[in-house]
């Protein structure tokens, strides 16, 4: 039995994922997989299967907007404007308004 250095594991996994997710996202996913960290992504439709299979906690842009609204860091109107801006930039969101957001139980 021999132990493969973490760096080699990272690089092998990144290489496997890079065609599917791109280098930056692959790097984040692999880092979180081996270091038990949380990933924040607006690209949930791409990462959700990997996160679920590897027990990686993820938070979405929508989750962060909700927390900002809850804590008074942003107003409802500011959240709505942020969402409109992202939609205009062709970013994918699961909601079109904060009224559609369903809070998730996230264990951080």
Protein backbone atom coordinates (compact mmCIF):
# COMPACT_ATOMS: atom_id res chain seq x y z
CA UNK A 1 0.00 0.00 0.00
CA UNK A 2 1.28 3.46 -0.87
CA UNK A 3 -0.26 6.87 -0.49
CA UNK A 4 -0.70 9.04 -3.56
CA UNK A 5 0.24 12.65 -2.79
CA UNK A 6 -2.75 15.01 -2.68
CA UNK A 7 -1.33 17.14 -5.47
CA UNK A 8 -1.33 14.14 -7.83
CA UNK A 9 -4.92 13.29 -6.84
CA UNK A 10 -5.92 16.90 -7.50
CA UNK A 11 -4.31 16.96 -10.94
CA UNK A 12 -5.77 13.59 -11.98
CA UNK A 13 -9.25 14.66 -10.91
CA UNK A 14 -8.94 18.09 -12.50
CA UNK A 15 -7.91 16.49 -15.76
CA UNK A 16 -10.94 14.20 -15.65
CA UNK A 17 -13.33 17.09 -14.99
CA UNK A 18 -11.78 19.87 -17.06
CA UNK A 19 -13.54 18.97 -20.32
CA UNK A 20 -16.89 18.98 -18.57
CA UNK A 21 -16.57 22.01 -16.28
CA UNK A 22 -13.57 24.07 -17.39
CA UNK A 23 -10.32 24.46 -15.47
CA UNK A 24 -11.38 26.96 -12.79
CA UNK A 25 -14.56 25.19 -11.81
CA UNK A 26 -12.82 21.80 -11.87
CA UNK A 27 -10.13 23.14 -9.57
CA UNK A 28 -12.75 24.41 -7.10
CA UNK A 29 -14.70 21.15 -7.17
CA UNK A 30 -11.64 19.00 -6.58
CA UNK A 31 -10.33 21.26 -3.83
CA UNK A 32 -13.69 21.09 -2.03
CA UNK A 33 -13.86 17.32 -2.50
CA UNK A 34 -10.55 16.68 -0.73
CA UNK A 35 -10.69 19.52 1.81
CA UNK A 36 -14.35 19.31 2.86
CA UNK A 37 -15.08 22.92 1.94
CA UNK A 38 -18.16 24.64 0.57
CA UNK A 39 -18.44 25.73 -3.04
CA UNK A 40 -20.39 28.84 -4.06
CA UNK A 41 -21.57 28.75 -7.64
CA UNK A 42 -24.20 30.17 -9.91
CA UNK A 43 -23.56 27.24 -12.22
CA UNK A 44 -25.54 24.76 -10.12
CA UNK A 45 -27.01 22.81 -13.02
CA UNK A 46 -23.46 21.79 -13.95
CA UNK A 47 -22.04 21.04 -10.51
CA UNK A 48 -24.95 19.58 -8.56
CA UNK A 49 -24.36 15.93 -9.53
CA UNK A 50 -20.65 16.11 -8.66
CA UNK A 51 -21.44 17.84 -5.35
CA UNK A 52 -24.09 15.30 -4.37
CA UNK A 53 -21.90 12.33 -5.35
CA UNK A 54 -18.97 13.71 -3.34
CA UNK A 55 -20.84 15.15 -0.33
CA UNK A 56 -19.83 18.71 -1.16
CA UNK A 57 -21.99 21.45 0.30
CA UNK A 58 -22.81 24.12 -2.27
CA UNK A 59 -24.50 27.49 -2.05
CA UNK A 60 -26.05 29.33 -4.93
CA UNK A 61 -26.23 32.96 -5.93
CA UNK A 62 -29.87 32.81 -4.88
CA UNK A 63 -28.88 31.48 -1.43
CA UNK A 64 -26.42 34.35 -0.99
CA UNK A 65 -28.99 36.95 -2.06
CA UNK A 66 -31.47 35.51 0.42
CA UNK A 67 -28.91 35.68 3.25
CA UNK A 68 -28.01 39.27 2.28
CA UNK A 69 -31.71 40.16 2.35
CA UNK A 70 -32.22 38.41 5.71
CA UNK A 71 -29.25 40.19 7.29
CA UNK A 72 -30.19 43.61 5.90
CA UNK A 73 -27.10 43.80 3.69
CA UNK A 74 -29.31 44.27 0.62
CA UNK A 75 -32.87 45.45 0.21
CA UNK A 76 -35.50 43.47 -1.70
CA UNK A 77 -35.24 45.99 -4.56
CA UNK A 78 -31.43 45.64 -4.66
CA UNK A 79 -31.78 41.86 -4.87
CA UNK A 80 -34.32 42.23 -7.67
CA UNK A 81 -32.02 44.59 -9.59
CA UNK A 82 -29.10 42.19 -9.13
CA UNK A 83 -31.21 39.35 -10.52
CA UNK A 84 -32.32 41.47 -13.50
CA UNK A 85 -28.70 42.39 -14.22
CA UNK A 86 -27.58 38.75 -14.17
CA UNK A 87 -30.45 37.72 -16.43
CA UNK A 88 -29.53 40.48 -18.91
CA UNK A 89 -25.99 39.06 -18.94
CA UNK A 90 -27.41 35.62 -19.81
CA UNK A 91 -26.45 34.15 -16.45
CA UNK A 92 -28.49 31.16 -15.38
CA UNK A 93 -30.55 31.53 -12.22
CA UNK A 94 -33.25 29.23 -10.96
CA UNK A 95 -35.46 32.23 -10.11
CA UNK A 96 -36.57 35.40 -11.86
CA UNK A 97 -37.47 37.17 -8.61
CA UNK A 98 -36.76 36.81 -4.89
CA UNK A 99 -40.50 36.07 -4.52
CA UNK A 100 -39.78 32.70 -6.19
CA UNK A 101 -36.90 31.74 -3.88
CA UNK A 102 -37.51 28.80 -1.56
CA UNK A 103 -35.00 28.85 1.33
CA UNK A 104 -32.80 25.77 1.62
CA UNK A 105 -31.46 24.21 4.80
CA UNK A 106 -27.72 24.62 4.31
CA UNK A 107 -25.33 23.18 6.86
CA UNK A 108 -22.26 25.42 6.89
